[in-house]
PDB file of N, CA and C in Angstrom:
ATOM      1  N   MET A   1      58.233 -12.492 -32.582  1.00  0.00           N
ATOM      2  CA  MET A   1      59.781 -12.085 -32.927  1.00  0.00           C
ATOM      3  C   MET A   1      60.657 -13.300 -32.973  1.00  0.00           C
ATOM      4  N   ASP A   2      61.559 -13.195 -33.636  1.00  0.00           N
ATOM      5  CA  ASP A   2      62.639 -14.827 -33.673  1.00  0.00           C
ATOM      6  C   ASP A   2      63.055 -14.948 -32.528  1.00  0.00           C
ATOM      7  N   GLY A   3      63.312 -13.678 -31.821  1.00  0.00           N
ATOM      8  CA  GLY A   3      64.276 -13.723 -30.488  1.00  0.00           C
ATOM      9  C   GLY A   3      66.116 -13.034 -31.080  1.00  0.00           C
ATOM     10  N   GLN A   4      65.956 -12.916 -32.358  1.00  0.00           N
ATOM     11  CA  GLN A   4      67.092 -11.855 -33.059  1.00  0.00           C
ATOM     12  C   GLN A   4      66.783 -10.899 -32.657  1.00  0.00           C
ATOM     13  N   PRO A   5      68.176  -9.843 -32.211  1.00  0.00           N
ATOM     14  CA  PRO A   5      67.807  -8.634 -32.109  1.00  0.00           C
ATOM     15  C   PRO A   5      67.564  -7.720 -33.659  1.00  0.00           C
ATOM     16  N   THR A   6      67.037  -6.400 -33.124  1.00  0.00           N
ATOM     17  CA  THR A   6      66.458  -6.005 -34.327  1.00  0.00           C
ATOM     18  C   THR A   6      67.596  -5.493 -34.734  1.00  0.00           C
ATOM     19  N   ALA A   7      67.659  -4.602 -35.951  1.00  0.00           N
ATOM     20  CA  ALA A   7      68.323  -3.562 -36.396  1.00  0.00           C
ATOM     21  C   ALA A   7      68.816  -2.174 -35.462  1.00  0.00           C
ATOM     22  N   LEU A   8      68.105  -1.778 -35.335  1.00  0.00           N
ATOM     23  CA  LEU A   8      68.263  -0.896 -34.383  1.00  0.00           C
ATOM     24  C   LEU A   8      68.392  -0.965 -33.022  1.00  0.00           C
ATOM     25  N   GLU A   9      68.446  -1.972 -32.599  1.00  0.00           N
ATOM     26  CA  GLU A   9      68.965  -2.928 -31.291  1.00  0.00           C
ATOM     27  C   GLU A   9      70.296  -2.908 -31.203  1.00  0.00           C
ATOM     28  N   VAL A  10      70.894  -3.382 -32.172  1.00  0.00           N
ATOM     29  CA  VAL A  10      72.151  -3.996 -32.855  1.00  0.00           C
ATOM     30  C   VAL A  10      73.001  -2.780 -33.196  1.00  0.00           C
ATOM     31  N   THR A  11      72.629  -1.490 -33.746  1.00  0.00           N
ATOM     32  CA  THR A  11      72.970  -0.154 -33.965  1.00  0.00           C
ATOM     33  C   THR A  11      73.492   0.711 -32.720  1.00  0.00           C
ATOM     34  N   TRP A  12      72.296   0.428 -31.501  1.00  0.00           N
ATOM     35  CA  TRP A  12      72.566   1.237 -30.211  1.00  0.00           C
ATOM     36  C   TRP A  12      73.146   0.312 -29.699  1.00  0.00           C
ATOM     37  N   TYR A  13      73.806  -0.715 -29.312  1.00  0.00           N
ATOM     38  CA  TYR A  13      74.600  -1.689 -28.842  1.00  0.00           C
ATOM     39  C   TYR A  13      76.215  -0.788 -29.315  1.00  0.00           C
ATOM     40  N   ILE A  14      75.949  -0.993 -30.766  1.00  0.00           N
ATOM     41  CA  ILE A  14      77.379  -0.846 -31.152  1.00  0.00           C
ATOM     42  C   ILE A  14      77.642   0.854 -31.046  1.00  0.00           C
ATOM     43  N   VAL A  15      76.372   1.756 -30.767  1.00  0.00           N
ATOM     44  CA  VAL A  15      76.814   3.079 -30.771  1.00  0.00           C
ATOM     45  C   VAL A  15      77.262   3.430 -29.241  1.00  0.00           C
ATOM     46  N   LYS A  16      76.449   2.541 -28.205  1.00  0.00           N
ATOM     47  CA  LYS A  16      77.128   2.427 -26.721  1.00  0.00           C
ATOM     48  C   LYS A  16      78.406   1.726 -26.851  1.00  0.00           C
ATOM     49  N   ALA A  17      78.702   0.940 -27.403  1.00  0.00           N
ATOM     50  CA  ALA A  17      80.185   0.074 -26.748  1.00  0.00           C
ATOM     51  C   ALA A  17      81.217   1.560 -27.644  1.00  0.00           C
ATOM     52  N   VAL A  18      81.004   2.062 -28.684  1.00  0.00           N
ATOM     53  CA  VAL A  18      81.550   3.270 -29.609  1.00  0.00           C
ATOM     54  C   VAL A  18      81.899   3.744 -28.403  1.00  0.00           C
ATOM     55  N   ARG A  19      80.787   4.519 -27.775  1.00  0.00           N
ATOM     56  CA  ARG A  19      80.832   5.739 -27.182  1.00  0.00           C
ATOM     57  C   ARG A  19      81.663   5.585 -25.684  1.00  0.00           C
ATOM     58  N   GLY A  20      81.230   4.622 -25.588  1.00  0.00           N
ATOM     59  CA  GLY A  20      82.279   4.033 -23.693  1.00  0.00           C
ATOM     60  C   GLY A  20      83.454   3.818 -24.197  1.00  0.00           C
ATOM     61  N   ALA A  21      83.975   3.499 -25.421  1.00  0.00           N
ATOM     62  CA  ALA A  21      85.114   3.595 -25.571  1.00  0.00           C
ATOM     63  C   ALA A  21      86.159   4.883 -25.609  1.00  0.00           C
ATOM     64  N   VAL A  22      85.274   5.753 -26.883  1.00  0.00           N
ATOM     65  CA  VAL A  22      85.770   6.997 -26.677  1.00  0.00           C
ATOM     66  C   VAL A  22      86.071   7.637 -25.199  1.00  0.00           C
ATOM     67  N   PHE A  23      84.936   7.634 -24.466  1.00  0.00           N
ATOM     68  CA  PHE A  23      84.527   7.898 -23.434  1.00  0.00           C
ATOM     69  C   PHE A  23      85.921   8.074 -22.195  1.00  0.00           C
ATOM     70  N   ARG A  24      86.094   6.405 -22.082  1.00  0.00           N
ATOM     71  CA  ARG A  24      87.419   6.062 -21.602  1.00  0.00           C
ATOM     72  C   ARG A  24      88.113   6.360 -21.781  1.00  0.00           C
ATOM     73  N   GLU A  25      88.541   7.407 -22.831  1.00  0.00           N
ATOM     74  CA  GLU A  25      89.733   7.309 -23.721  1.00  0.00           C
ATOM     75  C   GLU A  25      90.020   8.844 -23.476  1.00  0.00           C
ATOM     76  N   VAL A  26      88.617   9.937 -23.341  1.00  0.00           N
ATOM     77  CA  VAL A  26      88.849  11.133 -23.312  1.00  0.00           C
ATOM     78  C   VAL A  26      88.734  11.296 -21.437  1.00  0.00           C
ATOM     79  N   GLN A  27      88.292  10.479 -21.182  1.00  0.00           N
ATOM     80  CA  GLN A  27      87.609  11.070 -19.232  1.00  0.00           C
ATOM     81  C   GLN A  27      89.005  11.550 -18.309  1.00  0.00           C
ATOM     82  N   MET A  28      89.417  12.630 -18.567  1.00  0.00           N
ATOM     83  CA  MET A  28      90.461  13.342 -18.378  1.00  0.00           C
ATOM     84  C   MET A  28      89.887  14.502 -17.630  1.00  0.00           C
ATOM     85  N   SER A  29      89.882  14.745 -16.371  1.00  0.00           N
ATOM     86  CA  SER A  29      89.094  15.985 -16.433  1.00  0.00           C
ATOM     87  C   SER A  29      90.009  17.091 -15.680  1.00  0.00           C
ATOM     88  N   ASP A  30      91.285  16.791 -15.797  1.00  0.00           N
ATOM     89  CA  ASP A  30      91.782  17.894 -16.068  1.00  0.00           C
ATOM     90  C   ASP A  30      92.780  18.417 -17.330  1.00  0.00           C
ATOM     91  N   SER A  31      92.448  17.419 -18.043  1.00  0.00           N
ATOM     92  CA  SER A  31      92.750  18.030 -19.129  1.00  0.00           C
ATOM     93  C   SER A  31      91.978  19.280 -19.750  1.00  0.00           C
ATOM     94  N   THR A  32      93.066  19.678 -21.065  1.00  0.00           N
ATOM     95  CA  THR A  32      92.639  20.894 -21.466  1.00  0.00           C
ATOM     96  C   THR A  32      91.879  20.835 -22.857  1.00  0.00           C
ATOM     97  N   ALA A  33      91.138  21.190 -23.332  1.00  0.00           N
ATOM     98  CA  ALA A  33      90.498  21.008 -24.797  1.00  0.00           C
ATOM     99  C   ALA A  33      90.932  20.935 -25.484  1.00  0.00           C
ATOM    100  N   LYS A  34      92.243  21.539 -25.815  1.00  0.00           N
ATOM    101  CA  LYS A  34      93.630  21.386 -26.722  1.00  0.00           C
ATOM    102  C   LYS A  34      93.987  19.797 -26.201  1.00  0.00           C
ATOM    103  N   GLN A  35      94.389  19.686 -25.319  1.00  0.00           N
ATOM    104  CA  GLN A  35      94.994  18.537 -24.920  1.00  0.00           C
ATOM    105  C   GLN A  35      94.334  17.055 -25.127  1.00  0.00           C
ATOM    106  N   LYS A  36      92.754  17.023 -25.145  1.00  0.00           N
ATOM    107  CA  LYS A  36      92.099  15.966 -24.990  1.00  0.00           C
ATOM    108  C   LYS A  36      91.784  16.105 -26.690  1.00  0.00           C
ATOM    109  N   VAL A  37      91.679  17.205 -27.537  1.00  0.00           N
ATOM    110  CA  VAL A  37      91.613  17.267 -28.901  1.00  0.00           C
ATOM    111  C   VAL A  37      93.095  16.543 -29.271  1.00  0.00           C
ATOM    112  N   LEU A  38      93.792  17.284 -28.952  1.00  0.00           N
ATOM    113  CA  LEU A  38      95.370  16.493 -29.410  1.00  0.00           C
ATOM    114  C   LEU A  38      95.732  14.868 -29.215  1.00  0.00           C
ATOM    115  N   GLU A  39      95.043  14.536 -28.497  1.00  0.00           N
ATOM    116  CA  GLU A  39      95.285  13.341 -27.923  1.00  0.00           C
ATOM    117  C   GLU A  39      93.654  12.097 -28.963  1.00  0.00           C
ATOM    118  N   ALA A  40      93.328  12.652 -29.197  1.00  0.00           N
ATOM    119  CA  ALA A  40      91.884  12.175 -29.823  1.00  0.00           C
ATOM    120  C   ALA A  40      92.473  11.797 -31.374  1.00  0.00           C
ATOM    121  N   ILE A  41      93.487  12.968 -32.061  1.00  0.00           N
ATOM    122  CA  ILE A  41      93.881  12.789 -32.903  1.00  0.00           C
ATOM    123  C   ILE A  41      94.985  11.835 -32.706  1.00  0.00           C
ATOM    124  N   GLU A  42      95.861  11.996 -31.991  1.00  0.00           N
ATOM    125  CA  GLU A  42      97.040  11.091 -31.790  1.00  0.00           C
ATOM    126  C   GLU A  42      96.218   9.187 -31.979  1.00  0.00           C
ATOM    127  N   LYS A  43      95.511   9.418 -31.326  1.00  0.00           N
ATOM    128  CA  LYS A  43      94.421   7.959 -31.076  1.00  0.00           C
ATOM    129  C   LYS A  43      94.478   7.443 -32.867  1.00  0.00           C
ATOM    130  N   LEU A  44      94.255   8.193 -33.775  1.00  0.00           N
ATOM    131  CA  LEU A  44      93.729   7.918 -35.020  1.00  0.00           C
ATOM    132  C   LEU A  44      94.546   7.187 -35.674  1.00  0.00           C
ATOM    133  N   PRO A  45      94.022   6.108 -36.603  1.00  0.00           N
ATOM    134  CA  PRO A  45      95.037   5.309 -37.169  1.00  0.00           C
ATOM    135  C   PRO A  45      96.309   5.981 -38.454  1.00  0.00           C
ATOM    136  N   ALA A  46      97.135   5.398 -38.503  1.00  0.00           N
ATOM    137  CA  ALA A  46      98.217   6.477 -39.537  1.00  0.00           C
ATOM    138  C   ALA A  46      97.237   6.399 -41.124  1.00  0.00           C
ATOM    139  N   ASP A  47      96.215   5.357 -41.683  1.00  0.00           N
ATOM    140  CA  ASP A  47      95.325   5.881 -42.437  1.00  0.00           C
ATOM    141  C   ASP A  47      94.374   6.439 -42.721  1.00  0.00           C
ATOM    142  N   ALA A  48      94.077   7.448 -41.271  1.00  0.00           N
ATOM    143  CA  ALA A  48      93.216   8.201 -40.982  1.00  0.00           C
ATOM    144  C   ALA A  48      92.644   8.901 -42.285  1.00  0.00           C
ATOM    145  N   THR A  49      91.574   9.586 -42.439  1.00  0.00           N
ATOM    146  CA  THR A  49      91.375  10.983 -43.270  1.00  0.00           C
ATOM    147  C   THR A  49      91.050  11.881 -42.210  1.00  0.00           C
ATOM    148  N   VAL A  50      91.489  12.821 -43.250  1.00  0.00           N
ATOM    149  CA  VAL A  50      90.628  14.084 -42.459  1.00  0.00           C
ATOM    150  C   VAL A  50      89.240  14.463 -41.419  1.00  0.00           C
ATOM    151  N   GLU A  51      88.103  13.386 -42.586  1.00  0.00           N
ATOM    152  CA  GLU A  51      87.052  13.143 -42.095  1.00  0.00           C
ATOM    153  C   GLU A  51      86.906  12.411 -41.054  1.00  0.00           C
ATOM    154  N   ASP A  52      87.796  11.771 -40.570  1.00  0.00           N
ATOM    155  CA  ASP A  52      87.397  10.770 -40.026  1.00  0.00           C
ATOM    156  C   ASP A  52      87.979  11.665 -38.815  1.00  0.00           C
ATOM    157  N   ALA A  53      89.029  12.039 -38.946  1.00  0.00           N
ATOM    158  CA  ALA A  53      89.587  13.403 -37.712  1.00  0.00           C
ATOM    159  C   ALA A  53      88.726  14.096 -37.170  1.00  0.00           C
ATOM    160  N   ILE A  54      87.678  14.491 -38.114  1.00  0.00           N
ATOM    161  CA  ILE A  54      86.637  15.478 -37.939  1.00  0.00           C
ATOM    162  C   ILE A  54      85.375  14.645 -37.266  1.00  0.00           C
ATOM    163  N   GLU A  55      85.133  13.423 -37.349  1.00  0.00           N
ATOM    164  CA  GLU A  55      84.147  12.241 -36.728  1.00  0.00           C
ATOM    165  C   GLU A  55      84.433  12.622 -35.686  1.00  0.00           C
ATOM    166  N   GLN A  56      85.347  12.516 -35.171  1.00  0.00           N
ATOM    167  CA  GLN A  56      86.095  12.053 -34.164  1.00  0.00           C
ATOM    168  C   GLN A  56      86.145  13.358 -33.233  1.00  0.00           C
ATOM    169  N   LEU A  57      86.104  14.176 -33.713  1.00  0.00           N
ATOM    170  CA  LEU A  57      86.331  15.872 -32.885  1.00  0.00           C
ATOM    171  C   LEU A  57      84.941  16.441 -32.831  1.00  0.00           C
ATOM    172  N   VAL A  58      83.916  16.046 -33.302  1.00  0.00           N
ATOM    173  CA  VAL A  58      82.573  15.681 -33.020  1.00  0.00           C
ATOM    174  C   VAL A  58      82.217  15.054 -32.294  1.00  0.00           C
ATOM    175  N   LEU A  59      82.579  13.719 -32.392  1.00  0.00           N
ATOM    176  CA  LEU A  59      81.917  12.654 -31.130  1.00  0.00           C
ATOM    177  C   LEU A  59      82.467  13.248 -29.825  1.00  0.00           C
ATOM    178  N   LEU A  60      83.869  13.489 -29.604  1.00  0.00           N
ATOM    179  CA  LEU A  60      84.565  14.239 -28.520  1.00  0.00           C
ATOM    180  C   LEU A  60      83.465  15.094 -28.197  1.00  0.00           C
ATOM    181  N   ALA A  61      83.094  16.384 -28.760  1.00  0.00           N
ATOM    182  CA  ALA A  61      82.481  17.634 -28.869  1.00  0.00           C
ATOM    183  C   ALA A  61      81.338  17.057 -28.054  1.00  0.00           C
ATOM    184  N   LYS A  62      80.338  16.176 -28.609  1.00  0.00           N
ATOM    185  CA  LYS A  62      79.228  15.782 -28.414  1.00  0.00           C
ATOM    186  C   LYS A  62      79.078  15.124 -26.839  1.00  0.00           C
ATOM    187  N   ILE A  63      80.225  14.252 -26.219  1.00  0.00           N
ATOM    188  CA  ILE A  63      80.225  13.311 -25.362  1.00  0.00           C
ATOM    189  C   ILE A  63      80.345  14.164 -24.057  1.00  0.00           C
ATOM    190  N   GLN A  64      81.082  15.795 -24.449  1.00  0.00           N
ATOM    191  CA  GLN A  64      81.443  16.504 -23.606  1.00  0.00           C
ATOM    192  C   GLN A  64      80.182  17.167 -23.307  1.00  0.00           C
ATOM    193  N   GLU A  65      79.423  17.582 -24.131  1.00  0.00           N
ATOM    194  CA  GLU A  65      78.159  18.349 -24.372  1.00  0.00           C
ATOM    195  C   GLU A  65      77.344  17.463 -23.292  1.00  0.00           C
ATOM    196  N   GLY A  66      77.084  16.011 -23.451  1.00  0.00           N
ATOM    197  CA  GLY A  66      75.906  15.332 -22.669  1.00  0.00           C
ATOM    198  C   GLY A  66      76.812  15.362 -21.311  1.00  0.00           C
ATOM    199  N   LEU A  67      78.056  15.478 -20.901  1.00  0.00           N
ATOM    200  CA  LEU A  67      78.799  14.718 -19.867  1.00  0.00           C
ATOM    201  C   LEU A  67      77.955  16.502 -18.808  1.00  0.00           C
ATOM    202  N   ALA A  68      78.491  17.518 -19.792  1.00  0.00           N
ATOM    203  CA  ALA A  68      77.845  18.615 -18.944  1.00  0.00           C
ATOM    204  C   ALA A  68      76.462  19.040 -18.819  1.00  0.00           C
ATOM    205  N   GLN A  69      75.310  18.241 -19.616  1.00  0.00           N
ATOM    206  CA  GLN A  69      74.198  18.003 -19.591  1.00  0.00           C
ATOM    207  C   GLN A  69      73.943  17.304 -18.525  1.00  0.00           C
ATOM    208  N   LEU A  70      74.453  16.113 -18.149  1.00  0.00           N
ATOM    209  CA  LEU A  70      74.225  15.413 -17.212  1.00  0.00           C
ATOM    210  C   LEU A  70      74.364  15.896 -15.597  1.00  0.00           C
ATOM    211  N   ASP A  71      75.820  16.528 -15.918  1.00  0.00           N
ATOM    212  CA  ASP A  71      76.340  17.252 -15.037  1.00  0.00           C
ATOM    213  C   ASP A  71      74.995  18.427 -13.779  1.00  0.00           C
ATOM    214  N   ALA A  72      74.653  19.113 -15.096  1.00  0.00           N
ATOM    215  CA  ALA A  72      73.296  20.304 -14.841  1.00  0.00           C
ATOM    216  C   ALA A  72      72.406  19.172 -14.386  1.00  0.00           C
ATOM    217  N   GLY A  73      72.019  17.804 -14.338  1.00  0.00           N
ATOM    218  CA  GLY A  73      70.818  17.408 -14.210  1.00  0.00           C
ATOM    219  C   GLY A  73      69.813  16.950 -15.286  1.00  0.00           C
ATOM    220  N   GLN A  74      70.352  17.319 -16.732  1.00  0.00           N
ATOM    221  CA  GLN A  74      69.353  17.318 -17.687  1.00  0.00           C
ATOM    222  C   GLN A  74      69.477  15.728 -18.453  1.00  0.00           C
ATOM    223  N   GLY A  75      69.976  14.875 -17.604  1.00  0.00           N
ATOM    224  CA  GLY A  75      69.823  13.567 -18.057  1.00  0.00           C
ATOM    225  C   GLY A  75      68.234  13.066 -18.574  1.00  0.00           C
ATOM    226  N   VAL A  76      67.920  11.889 -19.372  1.00  0.00           N
ATOM    227  CA  VAL A  76      66.885  11.209 -19.121  1.00  0.00           C
ATOM    228  C   VAL A  76      66.914   9.690 -18.834  1.00  0.00           C
ATOM    229  N   GLU A  77      66.360   9.148 -18.244  1.00  0.00           N
ATOM    230  CA  GLU A  77      66.124   7.681 -17.535  1.00  0.00           C
ATOM    231  C   GLU A  77      66.246   6.745 -18.852  1.00  0.00           C
ATOM    232  N   HIS A  78      66.915   5.535 -19.066  1.00  0.00           N
ATOM    233  CA  HIS A  78      67.617   4.495 -19.825  1.00  0.00           C
ATOM    234  C   HIS A  78      65.872   4.371 -20.518  1.00  0.00           C
ATOM    235  N   SER A  79      64.773   3.804 -19.699  1.00  0.00           N
ATOM    236  CA  SER A  79      63.967   3.438 -20.452  1.00  0.00           C
ATOM    237  C   SER A  79      63.078   4.581 -21.207  1.00  0.00           C
ATOM    238  N   GLU A  80      63.548   6.040 -20.734  1.00  0.00           N
ATOM    239  CA  GLU A  80      62.650   7.234 -21.912  1.00  0.00           C
ATOM    240  C   GLU A  80      63.716   7.446 -23.094  1.00  0.00           C
ATOM    241  N   ALA A  81      65.117   7.315 -23.309  1.00  0.00           N
ATOM    242  CA  ALA A  81      65.674   7.496 -24.157  1.00  0.00           C
ATOM    243  C   ALA A  81      65.183   6.177 -24.953  1.00  0.00           C
ATOM    244  N   LYS A  82      64.981   4.924 -24.493  1.00  0.00           N
ATOM    245  CA  LYS A  82      64.848   4.230 -25.578  1.00  0.00           C
ATOM    246  C   LYS A  82      63.246   4.246 -25.993  1.00  0.00           C
ATOM    247  N   ARG A  83      62.636   4.366 -25.285  1.00  0.00           N
ATOM    248  CA  ARG A  83      61.270   4.805 -25.510  1.00  0.00           C
ATOM    249  C   ARG A  83      61.587   6.048 -26.730  1.00  0.00           C
ATOM    250  N   ARG A  84      62.204   6.824 -26.950  1.00  0.00           N
ATOM    251  CA  ARG A  84      62.026   8.096 -27.989  1.00  0.00           C
ATOM    252  C   ARG A  84      62.925   7.639 -28.890  1.00  0.00           C
ATOM    253  N   LEU A  85      63.682   6.441 -29.192  1.00  0.00           N
ATOM    254  CA  LEU A  85      64.391   6.007 -29.763  1.00  0.00           C
ATOM    255  C   LEU A  85      63.711   5.218 -30.792  1.00  0.00           C
ATOM    256  N   LEU A  86      62.661   4.523 -30.483  1.00  0.00           N
ATOM    257  CA  LEU A  86      61.289   3.478 -30.906  1.00  0.00           C
ATOM    258  C   LEU A  86      60.110   4.059 -31.150  1.00  0.00           C
ATOM    259  N   ARG A  87      60.329   5.735 -31.053  1.00  0.00           N
ATOM    260  CA  ARG A  87      59.025   6.095 -31.790  1.00  0.00           C
ATOM    261  C   ARG A  87      59.457   5.849 -33.345  1.00  0.00           C
TER     262      ARG A  87
END
């Protein structure tokens, strides 16, 4: 290797950064699902499309699903996740 990150590594870091930002935006345990959805929609830019909104809501749902899995002890270690991605 020439020291440059692979495309997979770059993609992984971007995904982590975006998900981290979204997670910080929606991490409100006292909020209802409806409130979280409305807040996610309100944070979209004025020129966002319906597809953008759907994508954001799917991401929100996946984050909540992942958090529930972590709470249930179903998470995997970072090294295991990386191994699975590099198959």
